[in-house]
Amino acid sequence: MVGTALLRADEAGTSLPHRAALGDPTRRRTVVTRAFTGRPARALANGFTDRHGGRAPSGYPALHHLTRPMRTAAAAAGDPERINLWAGTGYRHATAEPADRILARLASRV
């Protein structure tokens, strides 16, 4: 249940714009959206979710494959407004450090 806490870990495969968005203090909300894949998932709100989240079809996996070229190009361009910024509501707790430190800190709170 700590997936979001590990999104900024050194070992995570998270794209650079996704990592930056998770640490961006101007991003203040998450939404449940089907806009990128056709399947509901929680993400940081961005331009794409704001424009298409309310009317996205539930067409997984077709929608996932249709949006892939856009998401790939946006990630390569460093554009967080057109990529899926998956994140749970506790995204503010995600830190940029090795995963073992993150997990040790979480375990010490139990």
C-alpha atoms as a PDB file:
ATOM      1  CA  MET A   1       0.000   0.000   0.000  1.00  0.00           C
ATOM      2  CA  VAL A   2       2.976   2.300  -0.478  1.00  0.00           C
ATOM      3  CA  GLY A   3       3.073   2.500  -4.283  1.00  0.00           C
ATOM      4  CA  THR A   4       2.756   6.265  -4.520  1.00  0.00           C
ATOM      5  CA  ALA A   5       5.431   6.801  -1.862  1.00  0.00           C
ATOM      6  CA  LEU A   6       7.898   5.002  -4.140  1.00  0.00           C
ATOM      7  CA  LEU A   7       7.152   6.898  -7.366  1.00  0.00           C
ATOM      8  CA  ARG A   8      10.048   9.318  -6.815  1.00  0.00           C
ATOM      9  CA  ALA A   9      12.485   6.688  -5.487  1.00  0.00           C
ATOM     10  CA  ASP A  10      15.850   6.549  -7.230  1.00  0.00           C
ATOM     11  CA  GLU A  11      15.046   3.049  -8.490  1.00  0.00           C
ATOM     12  CA  ALA A  12      11.576   3.884  -9.849  1.00  0.00           C
ATOM     13  CA  GLY A  13      11.011   3.960 -13.591  1.00  0.00           C
ATOM     14  CA  THR A  14       8.901   7.100 -13.303  1.00  0.00           C
ATOM     15  CA  SER A  15       9.499   9.646 -16.082  1.00  0.00           C
ATOM     16  CA  LEU A  16      11.237  12.916 -15.246  1.00  0.00           C
ATOM     17  CA  PRO A  17       8.126  15.050 -15.831  1.00  0.00           C
ATOM     18  CA  HIS A  18       6.079  12.697 -13.630  1.00  0.00           C
ATOM     19  CA  ARG A  19       8.668  12.936 -10.827  1.00  0.00           C
ATOM     20  CA  ALA A  20       8.734  16.716 -11.134  1.00  0.00           C
ATOM     21  CA  ALA A  21       4.929  16.928 -11.046  1.00  0.00           C
ATOM     22  CA  LEU A  22       4.798  14.845  -7.864  1.00  0.00           C
ATOM     23  CA  GLY A  23       7.072  17.380  -6.156  1.00  0.00           C
ATOM     24  CA  ASP A  24       5.454  20.470  -7.682  1.00  0.00           C
ATOM     25  CA  PRO A  25       3.760  22.506  -4.920  1.00  0.00           C
ATOM     26  CA  THR A  26       1.372  24.102  -7.439  1.00  0.00           C
ATOM     27  CA  ARG A  27      -0.265  20.729  -8.159  1.00  0.00           C
ATOM     28  CA  ARG A  28      -2.922  20.476  -5.517  1.00  0.00           C
ATOM     29  CA  ARG A  29      -5.391  17.777  -6.474  1.00  0.00           C
ATOM     30  CA  THR A  30      -5.819  14.267  -7.708  1.00  0.00           C
ATOM     31  CA  VAL A  31      -8.684  12.994  -9.814  1.00  0.00           C
ATOM     32  CA  VAL A  32     -10.031   9.598 -10.760  1.00  0.00           C
ATOM     33  CA  THR A  33      -9.917   9.545 -14.543  1.00  0.00           C
ATOM     34  CA  ARG A  34     -10.375   7.258 -17.519  1.00  0.00           C
ATOM     35  CA  ALA A  35      -8.829   9.846 -19.865  1.00  0.00           C
ATOM     36  CA  PHE A  36      -5.574   8.003 -20.583  1.00  0.00           C
ATOM     37  CA  THR A  37      -6.495   4.328 -20.575  1.00  0.00           C
ATOM     38  CA  GLY A  38     -10.256   3.941 -20.479  1.00  0.00           C
ATOM     39  CA  ARG A  39      -9.972   2.396 -17.007  1.00  0.00           C
ATOM     40  CA  PRO A  40     -10.463   4.450 -13.829  1.00  0.00           C
ATOM     41  CA  ALA A  41      -7.245   5.384 -12.039  1.00  0.00           C
ATOM     42  CA  ARG A  42      -6.184   8.158  -9.666  1.00  0.00           C
ATOM     43  CA  ALA A  43      -3.765  10.739 -11.040  1.00  0.00           C
ATOM     44  CA  LEU A  44      -2.579  14.273 -10.467  1.00  0.00           C
ATOM     45  CA  ALA A  45      -4.845  16.603 -12.371  1.00  0.00           C
ATOM     46  CA  ASN A  46      -3.308  18.066 -15.506  1.00  0.00           C
ATOM     47  CA  GLY A  47      -4.487  19.694 -18.718  1.00  0.00           C
ATOM     48  CA  PHE A  48      -5.440  16.389 -20.331  1.00  0.00           C
ATOM     49  CA  THR A  49      -7.485  15.134 -17.385  1.00  0.00           C
ATOM     50  CA  ASP A  50      -9.191  18.509 -17.070  1.00  0.00           C
ATOM     51  CA  ARG A  51     -10.171  18.523 -20.766  1.00  0.00           C
ATOM     52  CA  HIS A  52     -11.048  14.859 -21.276  1.00  0.00           C
ATOM     53  CA  GLY A  53     -11.625  13.205 -17.898  1.00  0.00           C
ATOM     54  CA  GLY A  54     -15.351  13.815 -17.744  1.00  0.00           C
ATOM     55  CA  ARG A  55     -16.149  12.412 -21.144  1.00  0.00           C
ATOM     56  CA  ALA A  56     -13.529   9.683 -21.619  1.00  0.00           C
ATOM     57  CA  PRO A  57     -14.953   6.371 -22.772  1.00  0.00           C
ATOM     58  CA  SER A  58     -14.447   3.198 -20.776  1.00  0.00           C
ATOM     59  CA  GLY A  59     -12.569   1.533 -23.602  1.00  0.00           C
ATOM     60  CA  TYR A  60      -9.595  -0.209 -22.018  1.00  0.00           C
ATOM     61  CA  PRO A  61      -7.244  -1.297 -23.544  1.00  0.00           C
ATOM     62  CA  ALA A  62      -8.056   0.448 -26.836  1.00  0.00           C
ATOM     63  CA  LEU A  63      -7.871   3.947 -25.324  1.00  0.00           C
ATOM     64  CA  HIS A  64      -4.578   3.066 -23.641  1.00  0.00           C
ATOM     65  CA  HIS A  65      -3.103   2.153 -27.046  1.00  0.00           C
ATOM     66  CA  LEU A  66      -4.591   5.213 -28.755  1.00  0.00           C
ATOM     67  CA  THR A  67      -3.084   7.647 -26.238  1.00  0.00           C
ATOM     68  CA  ARG A  68       0.317   5.932 -26.031  1.00  0.00           C
ATOM     69  CA  PRO A  69       2.015   7.914 -28.847  1.00  0.00           C
ATOM     70  CA  MET A  70       0.872  11.196 -27.288  1.00  0.00           C
ATOM     71  CA  ARG A  71       2.043  10.136 -23.816  1.00  0.00           C
ATOM     72  CA  THR A  72       5.400   8.914 -25.134  1.00  0.00           C
ATOM     73  CA  ALA A  73       6.046  12.150 -27.041  1.00  0.00           C
ATOM     74  CA  ALA A  74       4.944  14.289 -24.090  1.00  0.00           C
ATOM     75  CA  ALA A  75       7.228  12.423 -21.666  1.00  0.00           C
ATOM     76  CA  ALA A  76      10.169  12.813 -24.072  1.00  0.00           C
ATOM     77  CA  ALA A  77       9.399  16.544 -24.357  1.00  0.00           C
ATOM     78  CA  GLY A  78       9.120  16.943 -20.573  1.00  0.00           C
ATOM     79  CA  ASP A  79       5.435  17.908 -20.861  1.00  0.00           C
ATOM     80  CA  PRO A  80       3.473  16.864 -17.731  1.00  0.00           C
ATOM     81  CA  GLU A  81       0.184  18.152 -19.164  1.00  0.00           C
ATOM     82  CA  ARG A  82      -0.220  15.265 -21.633  1.00  0.00           C
ATOM     83  CA  ILE A  83       1.043  12.277 -19.624  1.00  0.00           C
ATOM     84  CA  ASN A  84      -0.634  10.087 -17.040  1.00  0.00           C
ATOM     85  CA  LEU A  85       0.590  11.345 -13.664  1.00  0.00           C
ATOM     86  CA  TRP A  86      -0.558   8.357 -11.610  1.00  0.00           C
ATOM     87  CA  ALA A  87      -0.646   9.205  -7.917  1.00  0.00           C
ATOM     88  CA  GLY A  88      -2.621   8.336  -4.831  1.00  0.00           C
ATOM     89  CA  THR A  89      -3.938  10.943  -2.442  1.00  0.00           C
ATOM     90  CA  GLY A  90      -0.750  10.753  -0.347  1.00  0.00           C
ATOM     91  CA  TYR A  91       1.494  11.859  -3.228  1.00  0.00           C
ATOM     92  CA  ARG A  92       3.023  14.661  -1.120  1.00  0.00           C
ATOM     93  CA  HIS A  93       4.840  11.968   0.875  1.00  0.00           C
ATOM     94  CA  ALA A  94       6.766  10.743  -2.173  1.00  0.00           C
ATOM     95  CA  THR A  95      10.421  11.711  -1.803  1.00  0.00           C
ATOM     96  CA  ALA A  96      13.402  11.580  -4.153  1.00  0.00           C
ATOM     97  CA  GLU A  97      15.763   9.160  -2.405  1.00  0.00           C
ATOM     98  CA  PRO A  98      16.675   5.461  -2.430  1.00  0.00           C
ATOM     99  CA  ALA A  99      13.768   3.057  -1.927  1.00  0.00           C
ATOM    100  CA  ASP A 100      15.394   1.400   1.098  1.00  0.00           C
ATOM    101  CA  ARG A 101      15.368   4.729   2.958  1.00  0.00           C
ATOM    102  CA  ILE A 102      11.732   5.351   2.078  1.00  0.00           C
ATOM    103  CA  LEU A 103      10.717   1.881   3.261  1.00  0.00           C
ATOM    104  CA  ALA A 104      12.803   2.125   6.455  1.00  0.00           C
ATOM    105  CA  ARG A 105      11.141   5.434   7.308  1.00  0.00           C
ATOM    106  CA  LEU A 106       7.689   3.983   6.684  1.00  0.00           C
ATOM    107  CA  ALA A 107       8.487   0.869   8.749  1.00  0.00           C
ATOM    108  CA  SER A 108       9.689   2.995  11.661  1.00  0.00           C
ATOM    109  CA  ARG A 109       6.230   4.569  11.881  1.00  0.00           C
ATOM    110  CA  VAL A 110       4.448   1.248  12.357  1.00  0.00           C
END
